[in-house]
Amino acid sequence: MKNILNSSLILAFGLFCAGCTVKKMETLKTNNVKDTNLDIYILMGQSNMAGRGPLTPDDNIIKNEKVLMLTEDLKWVPAKNPIHFDKPGTSAVGPGLSFGLAMQSANKNIEIGLVPTAVGGTSINSWQPKGYDSETKKYPYDDAEKRIIEAMKTGTIKGILWHQGESDSKPEAVAGYLAKLKVLINRVRTLVGNPNLPFIAGELGRYNTSFQTFNTEINKLPSEVPNTAVVSSEGLTDKGDNLHFTSASAITLGQRYAEKMLLLQKK
């Protein structure tokens, strides 16, 4: 009798576990994720992070199915440009995809998840709780926080990519910029539960001499905040507007972000 009871319990437990597995697989299939172990990176900032480099037919080709992106409706799909959706019809080639491809290439056993949150034209003042951007009628930080929380259900946040500053490049805005950025970094690190989360900022395009003061200031970040870095924009070109990177330059910038990220992660 005891053996029969034990056998029944084992069978019931097995059926329960099988049911859990099926349910889990159905959930992952719905979200286009093969596992719940994604290495997740958050893309934050304004237009040059969102991407404004012209799209080509090649951008519709999925280059690596192990590099995923979180869509506007919170579904994981294989990544391709445009990654962002901040301004439909405007978002194009940015540094996010080339960054993801480079990170996956460095460790072919992992899956990369990219979470687009950048909003073109936004000041750092919008990147705080309840910060409002009147042009897009969005709340950049609040929206980003919701997406980060959703992304954490399917993996671990491994780092933040930040490219923003064109809207804060005037001398009076630059003066208080780092203090505001430090608050943002601490807020995101607290949100994900990692006080040492790698955070990498990018220089503005050196092709615009009015950005020089900002670039000098942003390069102070690594000496003031642990586990941060800044990627150079040296040699990168604009698409003719003295503001936005060409597609080729955006791709190069993403690769530079990956190099810095890998260095920080080795520490």
C-alpha atoms as a PDB file:
ATOM      1  CA  MET A   1       0.000   0.000   0.000  1.00  0.00           C
ATOM      2  CA  LYS A   2       2.853   2.319   0.940  1.00  0.00           C
ATOM      3  CA  ASN A   3       4.634   1.613  -2.363  1.00  0.00           C
ATOM      4  CA  ILE A   4       1.444   2.345  -4.317  1.00  0.00           C
ATOM      5  CA  LEU A   5       1.013   5.639  -2.457  1.00  0.00           C
ATOM      6  CA  ASN A   6       4.625   6.644  -3.130  1.00  0.00           C
ATOM      7  CA  SER A   7       4.270   5.758  -6.796  1.00  0.00           C
ATOM      8  CA  SER A   8       1.107   7.842  -7.035  1.00  0.00           C
ATOM      9  CA  LEU A   9       2.825  10.819  -5.429  1.00  0.00           C
ATOM     10  CA  ILE A  10       5.797  10.544  -7.777  1.00  0.00           C
ATOM     11  CA  LEU A  11       3.495  10.299 -10.795  1.00  0.00           C
ATOM     12  CA  ALA A  12       1.462  13.316  -9.629  1.00  0.00           C
ATOM     13  CA  PHE A  13       4.604  15.319  -9.025  1.00  0.00           C
ATOM     14  CA  GLY A  14       5.934  14.372 -12.439  1.00  0.00           C
ATOM     15  CA  LEU A  15       2.725  15.460 -14.127  1.00  0.00           C
ATOM     16  CA  PHE A  16       2.791  18.743 -12.171  1.00  0.00           C
ATOM     17  CA  CYS A  17       6.392  19.450 -13.238  1.00  0.00           C
ATOM     18  CA  ALA A  18       5.576  18.551 -16.835  1.00  0.00           C
ATOM     19  CA  GLY A  19       2.692  20.988 -16.709  1.00  0.00           C
ATOM     20  CA  CYS A  20       4.989  23.697 -15.363  1.00  0.00           C
ATOM     21  CA  THR A  21       7.516  23.011 -18.111  1.00  0.00           C
ATOM     22  CA  VAL A  22       4.863  23.184 -20.817  1.00  0.00           C
ATOM     23  CA  LYS A  23       3.497  26.427 -19.378  1.00  0.00           C
ATOM     24  CA  LYS A  24       6.990  27.923 -19.191  1.00  0.00           C
ATOM     25  CA  MET A  25       7.780  26.886 -22.761  1.00  0.00           C
ATOM     26  CA  GLU A  26       4.503  28.351 -24.001  1.00  0.00           C
ATOM     27  CA  THR A  27       5.309  31.658 -22.268  1.00  0.00           C
ATOM     28  CA  LEU A  28       8.801  31.782 -23.732  1.00  0.00           C
ATOM     29  CA  LYS A  29       7.518  30.857 -27.178  1.00  0.00           C
ATOM     30  CA  THR A  30       5.007  33.697 -27.009  1.00  0.00           C
ATOM     31  CA  ASN A  31       7.843  36.092 -26.201  1.00  0.00           C
ATOM     32  CA  ASN A  32      10.231  34.606 -28.785  1.00  0.00           C
ATOM     33  CA  VAL A  33      12.845  33.774 -26.139  1.00  0.00           C
ATOM     34  CA  LYS A  34      14.657  30.436 -26.072  1.00  0.00           C
ATOM     35  CA  ASP A  35      15.578  30.720 -22.386  1.00  0.00           C
ATOM     36  CA  THR A  36      15.367  33.091 -19.460  1.00  0.00           C
ATOM     37  CA  ASN A  37      19.085  33.732 -19.288  1.00  0.00           C
ATOM     38  CA  LEU A  38      19.523  36.726 -21.550  1.00  0.00           C
ATOM     39  CA  ASP A  39      22.414  39.117 -21.042  1.00  0.00           C
ATOM     40  CA  ILE A  40      20.448  42.353 -21.221  1.00  0.00           C
ATOM     41  CA  TYR A  41      21.705  45.818 -22.126  1.00  0.00           C
ATOM     42  CA  ILE A  42      19.716  49.036 -21.864  1.00  0.00           C
ATOM     43  CA  LEU A  43      20.058  51.627 -24.632  1.00  0.00           C
ATOM     44  CA  MET A  44      19.372  55.103 -23.229  1.00  0.00           C
ATOM     45  CA  GLY A  45      19.698  58.687 -24.415  1.00  0.00           C
ATOM     46  CA  GLN A  46      18.501  60.721 -27.351  1.00  0.00           C
ATOM     47  CA  SER A  47      18.598  60.602 -31.154  1.00  0.00           C
ATOM     48  CA  ASN A  48      22.123  59.312 -31.762  1.00  0.00           C
ATOM     49  CA  MET A  49      21.410  56.338 -29.514  1.00  0.00           C
ATOM     50  CA  ALA A  50      18.017  55.802 -31.130  1.00  0.00           C
ATOM     51  CA  GLY A  51      19.785  56.018 -34.491  1.00  0.00           C
ATOM     52  CA  ARG A  52      19.381  58.400 -37.381  1.00  0.00           C
ATOM     53  CA  GLY A  53      21.718  56.790 -39.909  1.00  0.00           C
ATOM     54  CA  PRO A  54      19.879  56.030 -43.192  1.00  0.00           C
ATOM     55  CA  LEU A  55      18.413  52.536 -43.497  1.00  0.00           C
ATOM     56  CA  THR A  56      19.384  50.196 -46.329  1.00  0.00           C
ATOM     57  CA  PRO A  57      17.844  46.901 -47.545  1.00  0.00           C
ATOM     58  CA  ASP A  58      20.583  45.090 -45.615  1.00  0.00           C
ATOM     59  CA  ASP A  59      19.095  46.405 -42.371  1.00  0.00           C
ATOM     60  CA  ASN A  60      16.097  44.100 -42.827  1.00  0.00           C
ATOM     61  CA  ILE A  61      18.343  41.051 -42.655  1.00  0.00           C
ATOM     62  CA  ILE A  62      18.640  39.354 -39.252  1.00  0.00           C
ATOM     63  CA  LYS A  63      22.358  38.799 -38.797  1.00  0.00           C
ATOM     64  CA  ASN A  64      22.305  36.807 -35.559  1.00  0.00           C
ATOM     65  CA  GLU A  65      19.247  35.199 -33.972  1.00  0.00           C
ATOM     66  CA  LYS A  66      21.015  35.185 -30.608  1.00  0.00           C
ATOM     67  CA  VAL A  67      20.795  38.979 -30.514  1.00  0.00           C
ATOM     68  CA  LEU A  68      17.267  40.020 -29.569  1.00  0.00           C
ATOM     69  CA  MET A  69      15.475  43.307 -29.065  1.00  0.00           C
ATOM     70  CA  LEU A  70      12.480  44.217 -26.935  1.00  0.00           C
ATOM     71  CA  THR A  71       9.766  45.646 -29.157  1.00  0.00           C
ATOM     72  CA  GLU A  72       7.451  48.521 -28.328  1.00  0.00           C
ATOM     73  CA  ASP A  73       4.807  46.005 -27.226  1.00  0.00           C
ATOM     74  CA  LEU A  74       7.327  44.206 -24.976  1.00  0.00           C
ATOM     75  CA  LYS A  75       8.041  41.148 -27.126  1.00  0.00           C
ATOM     76  CA  TRP A  76      11.503  39.726 -27.692  1.00  0.00           C
ATOM     77  CA  VAL A  77      12.313  39.320 -31.393  1.00  0.00           C
ATOM     78  CA  PRO A  78      15.552  38.864 -33.362  1.00  0.00           C
ATOM     79  CA  ALA A  79      17.207  42.263 -33.563  1.00  0.00           C
ATOM     80  CA  LYS A  80      17.456  44.329 -36.713  1.00  0.00           C
ATOM     81  CA  ASN A  81      17.471  48.047 -37.460  1.00  0.00           C
ATOM     82  CA  PRO A  82      15.719  50.166 -36.506  1.00  0.00           C
ATOM     83  CA  ILE A  83      16.022  49.051 -32.903  1.00  0.00           C
ATOM     84  CA  HIS A  84      14.171  52.087 -31.594  1.00  0.00           C
ATOM     85  CA  PHE A  85      10.664  53.414 -32.174  1.00  0.00           C
ATOM     86  CA  ASP A  86      10.854  56.819 -30.468  1.00  0.00           C
ATOM     87  CA  LYS A  87       9.877  58.729 -33.600  1.00  0.00           C
ATOM     88  CA  PRO A  88       8.328  56.449 -36.231  1.00  0.00           C
ATOM     89  CA  GLY A  89       9.756  57.088 -39.674  1.00  0.00           C
ATOM     90  CA  THR A  90      12.800  58.774 -38.173  1.00  0.00           C
ATOM     91  CA  SER A  91      14.449  56.038 -36.095  1.00  0.00           C
ATOM     92  CA  ALA A  92      17.058  54.248 -38.180  1.00  0.00           C
ATOM     93  CA  VAL A  93      20.637  52.951 -37.738  1.00  0.00           C
ATOM     94  CA  GLY A  94      22.158  53.534 -34.322  1.00  0.00           C
ATOM     95  CA  PRO A  95      24.932  51.896 -32.274  1.00  0.00           C
ATOM     96  CA  GLY A  96      22.704  49.338 -30.535  1.00  0.00           C
ATOM     97  CA  LEU A  97      22.709  46.491 -33.048  1.00  0.00           C
ATOM     98  CA  SER A  98      26.452  46.543 -33.780  1.00  0.00           C
ATOM     99  CA  PHE A  99      27.052  46.609 -30.021  1.00  0.00           C
ATOM    100  CA  GLY A 100      24.849  43.554 -29.511  1.00  0.00           C
ATOM    101  CA  LEU A 101      26.475  41.642 -32.357  1.00  0.00           C
ATOM    102  CA  ALA A 102      29.947  42.398 -30.994  1.00  0.00           C
ATOM    103  CA  MET A 103      28.998  41.296 -27.470  1.00  0.00           C
ATOM    104  CA  GLN A 104      27.526  38.029 -28.714  1.00  0.00           C
ATOM    105  CA  SER A 105      30.566  37.413 -30.898  1.00  0.00           C
ATOM    106  CA  ALA A 106      32.763  37.758 -27.813  1.00  0.00           C
ATOM    107  CA  ASN A 107      30.834  34.937 -26.114  1.00  0.00           C
ATOM    108  CA  LYS A 108      28.931  32.738 -28.531  1.00  0.00           C
ATOM    109  CA  ASN A 109      27.276  30.766 -25.731  1.00  0.00           C
ATOM    110  CA  ILE A 110      25.082  33.663 -24.630  1.00  0.00           C
ATOM    111  CA  GLU A 111      21.992  35.390 -25.946  1.00  0.00           C
ATOM    112  CA  ILE A 112      21.936  39.181 -25.938  1.00  0.00           C
ATOM    113  CA  GLY A 113      18.819  41.225 -25.216  1.00  0.00           C
ATOM    114  CA  LEU A 114      18.728  44.885 -26.264  1.00  0.00           C
ATOM    115  CA  VAL A 115      16.194  47.173 -24.599  1.00  0.00           C
ATOM    116  CA  PRO A 116      15.615  50.392 -26.578  1.00  0.00           C
ATOM    117  CA  THR A 117      14.577  53.357 -24.440  1.00  0.00           C
ATOM    118  CA  ALA A 118      16.193  56.383 -26.143  1.00  0.00           C
ATOM    119  CA  VAL A 119      14.016  59.328 -27.167  1.00  0.00           C
ATOM    120  CA  GLY A 120      15.286  61.814 -29.731  1.00  0.00           C
ATOM    121  CA  GLY A 121      15.642  65.432 -28.680  1.00  0.00           C
ATOM    122  CA  THR A 122      15.376  64.808 -24.945  1.00  0.00           C
ATOM    123  CA  SER A 123      17.323  66.717 -22.320  1.00  0.00           C
ATOM    124  CA  ILE A 124      18.764  64.937 -19.312  1.00  0.00           C
ATOM    125  CA  ASN A 125      16.093  66.774 -17.342  1.00  0.00           C
ATOM    126  CA  SER A 126      13.536  64.421 -18.911  1.00  0.00           C
ATOM    127  CA  TRP A 127      15.469  61.417 -17.639  1.00  0.00           C
ATOM    128  CA  GLN A 128      14.123  61.501 -14.128  1.00  0.00           C
ATOM    129  CA  PRO A 129      10.882  60.221 -12.585  1.00  0.00           C
ATOM    130  CA  LYS A 130       7.901  62.084 -14.054  1.00  0.00           C
ATOM    131  CA  GLY A 131      10.232  63.930 -16.434  1.00  0.00           C
ATOM    132  CA  TYR A 132       8.142  64.960 -19.445  1.00  0.00           C
ATOM    133  CA  ASP A 133       9.246  65.584 -23.034  1.00  0.00           C
ATOM    134  CA  SER A 134       6.755  67.958 -24.616  1.00  0.00           C
ATOM    135  CA  GLU A 135       7.836  67.259 -28.206  1.00  0.00           C
ATOM    136  CA  THR A 136       7.201  63.518 -28.119  1.00  0.00           C
ATOM    137  CA  LYS A 137       4.693  63.674 -25.255  1.00  0.00           C
ATOM    138  CA  LYS A 138       6.645  60.916 -23.533  1.00  0.00           C
ATOM    139  CA  TYR A 139       8.038  60.337 -20.061  1.00  0.00           C
ATOM    140  CA  PRO A 140      11.479  58.965 -21.044  1.00  0.00           C
ATOM    141  CA  TYR A 141      12.682  57.747 -17.662  1.00  0.00           C
ATOM    142  CA  ASP A 142       9.336  56.381 -16.507  1.00  0.00           C
ATOM    143  CA  ASP A 143       8.900  54.534 -19.801  1.00  0.00           C
ATOM    144  CA  ALA A 144      12.450  53.188 -19.591  1.00  0.00           C
ATOM    145  CA  GLU A 145      11.916  51.966 -16.043  1.00  0.00           C
ATOM    146  CA  LYS A 146       8.835  49.968 -17.071  1.00  0.00           C
ATOM    147  CA  ARG A 147      10.763  48.354 -19.925  1.00  0.00           C
ATOM    148  CA  ILE A 148      13.738  47.544 -17.700  1.00  0.00           C
ATOM    149  CA  ILE A 149      11.484  45.863 -15.130  1.00  0.00           C
ATOM    150  CA  GLU A 150       9.833  43.824 -17.884  1.00  0.00           C
ATOM    151  CA  ALA A 151      13.199  42.855 -19.379  1.00  0.00           C
ATOM    152  CA  MET A 152      14.493  41.587 -16.032  1.00  0.00           C
ATOM    153  CA  LYS A 153      11.899  38.812 -16.148  1.00  0.00           C
ATOM    154  CA  THR A 154      13.894  37.125 -18.921  1.00  0.00           C
ATOM    155  CA  GLY A 155      17.489  37.706 -17.896  1.00  0.00           C
ATOM    156  CA  THR A 156      20.044  39.853 -16.124  1.00  0.00           C
ATOM    157  CA  ILE A 157      20.800  43.510 -16.799  1.00  0.00           C
ATOM    158  CA  LYS A 158      24.496  43.533 -17.666  1.00  0.00           C
ATOM    159  CA  GLY A 159      25.035  47.173 -18.550  1.00  0.00           C
ATOM    160  CA  ILE A 160      23.749  50.541 -19.698  1.00  0.00           C
ATOM    161  CA  LEU A 161      24.679  52.375 -22.903  1.00  0.00           C
ATOM    162  CA  TRP A 162      24.105  56.119 -22.715  1.00  0.00           C
ATOM    163  CA  HIS A 163      24.397  58.604 -25.566  1.00  0.00           C
ATOM    164  CA  GLN A 164      22.820  61.932 -24.824  1.00  0.00           C
ATOM    165  CA  GLY A 165      23.900  65.533 -24.512  1.00  0.00           C
ATOM    166  CA  GLU A 166      23.202  67.391 -27.723  1.00  0.00           C
ATOM    167  CA  SER A 167      20.236  69.009 -25.961  1.00  0.00           C
ATOM    168  CA  ASP A 168      22.442  69.929 -22.993  1.00  0.00           C
ATOM    169  CA  SER A 169      25.552  71.098 -24.831  1.00  0.00           C
ATOM    170  CA  LYS A 170      25.235  74.815 -24.104  1.00  0.00           C
ATOM    171  CA  PRO A 171      27.734  76.009 -21.440  1.00  0.00           C
ATOM    172  CA  GLU A 172      25.045  76.809 -18.863  1.00  0.00           C
ATOM    173  CA  ALA A 173      23.636  73.272 -19.187  1.00  0.00           C
ATOM    174  CA  VAL A 174      27.010  71.520 -19.263  1.00  0.00           C
ATOM    175  CA  ALA A 175      27.936  73.024 -15.877  1.00  0.00           C
ATOM    176  CA  GLY A 176      25.417  70.889 -13.998  1.00  0.00           C
ATOM    177  CA  TYR A 177      25.319  67.900 -16.323  1.00  0.00           C
ATOM    178  CA  LEU A 178      27.551  65.436 -14.480  1.00  0.00           C
ATOM    179  CA  ALA A 179      25.685  65.906 -11.213  1.00  0.00           C
ATOM    180  CA  LYS A 180      22.428  64.992 -12.945  1.00  0.00           C
ATOM    181  CA  LEU A 181      24.037  62.044 -14.722  1.00  0.00           C
ATOM    182  CA  LYS A 182      25.368  60.668 -11.440  1.00  0.00           C
ATOM    183  CA  VAL A 183      21.838  60.706 -10.014  1.00  0.00           C
ATOM    184  CA  LEU A 184      20.561  58.840 -13.067  1.00  0.00           C
ATOM    185  CA  ILE A 185      23.295  56.209 -12.852  1.00  0.00           C
ATOM    186  CA  ASN A 186      22.596  55.595  -9.171  1.00  0.00           C
ATOM    187  CA  ARG A 187      18.846  55.401  -9.814  1.00  0.00           C
ATOM    188  CA  VAL A 188      19.199  52.759 -12.527  1.00  0.00           C
ATOM    189  CA  ARG A 189      21.728  50.759 -10.534  1.00  0.00           C
ATOM    190  CA  THR A 190      19.339  50.755  -7.588  1.00  0.00           C
ATOM    191  CA  LEU A 191      16.461  49.693  -9.836  1.00  0.00           C
ATOM    192  CA  VAL A 192      18.308  46.619 -11.114  1.00  0.00           C
ATOM    193  CA  GLY A 193      19.896  45.818  -7.764  1.00  0.00           C
ATOM    194  CA  ASN A 194      23.495  46.161  -8.903  1.00  0.00           C
ATOM    195  CA  PRO A 195      25.555  49.049  -7.440  1.00  0.00           C
ATOM    196  CA  ASN A 196      28.407  48.221  -9.834  1.00  0.00           C
ATOM    197  CA  LEU A 197      26.366  47.942 -13.024  1.00  0.00           C
ATOM    198  CA  PRO A 198      28.609  49.026 -15.945  1.00  0.00           C
ATOM    199  CA  PHE A 199      27.548  52.356 -17.407  1.00  0.00           C
ATOM    200  CA  ILE A 200      29.101  53.659 -20.617  1.00  0.00           C
ATOM    201  CA  ALA A 201      28.517  57.117 -22.041  1.00  0.00           C
ATOM    202  CA  GLY A 202      29.470  58.329 -25.489  1.00  0.00           C
ATOM    203  CA  GLU A 203      31.096  61.504 -26.714  1.00  0.00           C
ATOM    204  CA  LEU A 204      29.043  63.734 -28.955  1.00  0.00           C
ATOM    205  CA  GLY A 205      30.220  64.014 -32.539  1.00  0.00           C
ATOM    206  CA  ARG A 206      33.558  65.802 -32.717  1.00  0.00           C
ATOM    207  CA  TYR A 207      32.541  67.126 -36.134  1.00  0.00           C
ATOM    208  CA  ASN A 208      30.566  69.820 -34.293  1.00  0.00           C
ATOM    209  CA  THR A 209      32.973  72.126 -32.457  1.00  0.00           C
ATOM    210  CA  SER A 210      30.165  73.420 -30.225  1.00  0.00           C
ATOM    211  CA  PHE A 211      30.136  69.993 -28.541  1.00  0.00           C
ATOM    212  CA  GLN A 212      33.751  70.269 -27.348  1.00  0.00           C
ATOM    213  CA  THR A 213      32.862  71.634 -23.905  1.00  0.00           C
ATOM    214  CA  PHE A 214      30.368  68.836 -23.343  1.00  0.00           C
ATOM    215  CA  ASN A 215      32.875  66.175 -24.406  1.00  0.00           C
ATOM    216  CA  THR A 216      35.468  67.560 -22.003  1.00  0.00           C
ATOM    217  CA  GLU A 217      32.918  67.319 -19.202  1.00  0.00           C
ATOM    218  CA  ILE A 218      31.620  63.830 -20.014  1.00  0.00           C
ATOM    219  CA  ASN A 219      35.172  62.467 -20.032  1.00  0.00           C
ATOM    220  CA  LYS A 220      35.385  63.265 -16.314  1.00  0.00           C
ATOM    221  CA  LEU A 221      32.790  60.569 -15.613  1.00  0.00           C
ATOM    222  CA  PRO A 222      35.133  57.558 -15.133  1.00  0.00           C
ATOM    223  CA  SER A 223      37.167  59.392 -12.494  1.00  0.00           C
ATOM    224  CA  GLU A 224      34.047  60.375 -10.557  1.00  0.00           C
ATOM    225  CA  VAL A 225      31.814  57.287 -10.797  1.00  0.00           C
ATOM    226  CA  PRO A 226      33.194  53.745 -10.414  1.00  0.00           C
ATOM    227  CA  ASN A 227      32.677  51.185 -13.175  1.00  0.00           C
ATOM    228  CA  THR A 228      31.873  53.733 -15.863  1.00  0.00           C
ATOM    229  CA  ALA A 229      33.578  54.544 -19.147  1.00  0.00           C
ATOM    230  CA  VAL A 230      33.309  56.910 -22.096  1.00  0.00           C
ATOM    231  CA  VAL A 231      33.589  55.958 -25.765  1.00  0.00           C
ATOM    232  CA  SER A 232      35.342  58.284 -28.173  1.00  0.00           C
ATOM    233  CA  SER A 233      33.715  59.768 -31.259  1.00  0.00           C
ATOM    234  CA  GLU A 234      37.085  60.477 -32.867  1.00  0.00           C
ATOM    235  CA  GLY A 235      37.004  60.020 -36.641  1.00  0.00           C
ATOM    236  CA  LEU A 236      33.241  59.565 -36.819  1.00  0.00           C
ATOM    237  CA  THR A 237      31.292  61.620 -39.336  1.00  0.00           C
ATOM    238  CA  ASP A 238      27.878  63.234 -39.523  1.00  0.00           C
ATOM    239  CA  LYS A 239      25.283  62.634 -42.212  1.00  0.00           C
ATOM    240  CA  GLY A 240      25.389  66.253 -43.327  1.00  0.00           C
ATOM    241  CA  ASP A 241      23.416  67.888 -40.532  1.00  0.00           C
ATOM    242  CA  ASN A 242      26.339  68.465 -38.146  1.00  0.00           C
ATOM    243  CA  LEU A 243      24.346  66.525 -35.561  1.00  0.00           C
ATOM    244  CA  HIS A 244      23.683  62.868 -36.358  1.00  0.00           C
ATOM    245  CA  PHE A 245      26.133  60.082 -37.124  1.00  0.00           C
ATOM    246  CA  THR A 246      26.133  58.365 -40.486  1.00  0.00           C
ATOM    247  CA  SER A 247      25.130  54.708 -40.484  1.00  0.00           C
ATOM    248  CA  ALA A 248      28.765  53.609 -40.766  1.00  0.00           C
ATOM    249  CA  SER A 249      29.792  55.862 -37.876  1.00  0.00           C
ATOM    250  CA  ALA A 250      26.899  54.662 -35.706  1.00  0.00           C
ATOM    251  CA  ILE A 251      27.971  51.065 -36.336  1.00  0.00           C
ATOM    252  CA  THR A 252      31.560  51.889 -35.398  1.00  0.00           C
ATOM    253  CA  LEU A 253      30.334  53.649 -32.262  1.00  0.00           C
ATOM    254  CA  GLY A 254      28.430  50.536 -31.216  1.00  0.00           C
ATOM    255  CA  GLN A 255      31.551  48.422 -31.628  1.00  0.00           C
ATOM    256  CA  ARG A 256      33.453  50.886 -29.451  1.00  0.00           C
ATOM    257  CA  TYR A 257      30.779  50.574 -26.787  1.00  0.00           C
ATOM    258  CA  ALA A 258      31.267  46.798 -26.863  1.00  0.00           C
ATOM    259  CA  GLU A 259      35.038  47.112 -26.433  1.00  0.00           C
ATOM    260  CA  LYS A 260      34.567  49.315 -23.373  1.00  0.00           C
ATOM    261  CA  MET A 261      31.849  47.083 -21.957  1.00  0.00           C
ATOM    262  CA  LEU A 262      34.027  43.994 -22.209  1.00  0.00           C
ATOM    263  CA  LEU A 263      36.876  45.821 -20.454  1.00  0.00           C
ATOM    264  CA  LEU A 264      34.607  46.928 -17.602  1.00  0.00           C
ATOM    265  CA  GLN A 265      33.203  43.430 -17.212  1.00  0.00           C
ATOM    266  CA  LYS A 266      36.693  41.969 -16.878  1.00  0.00           C
ATOM    267  CA  LYS A 267      37.404  44.121 -13.808  1.00  0.00           C
END
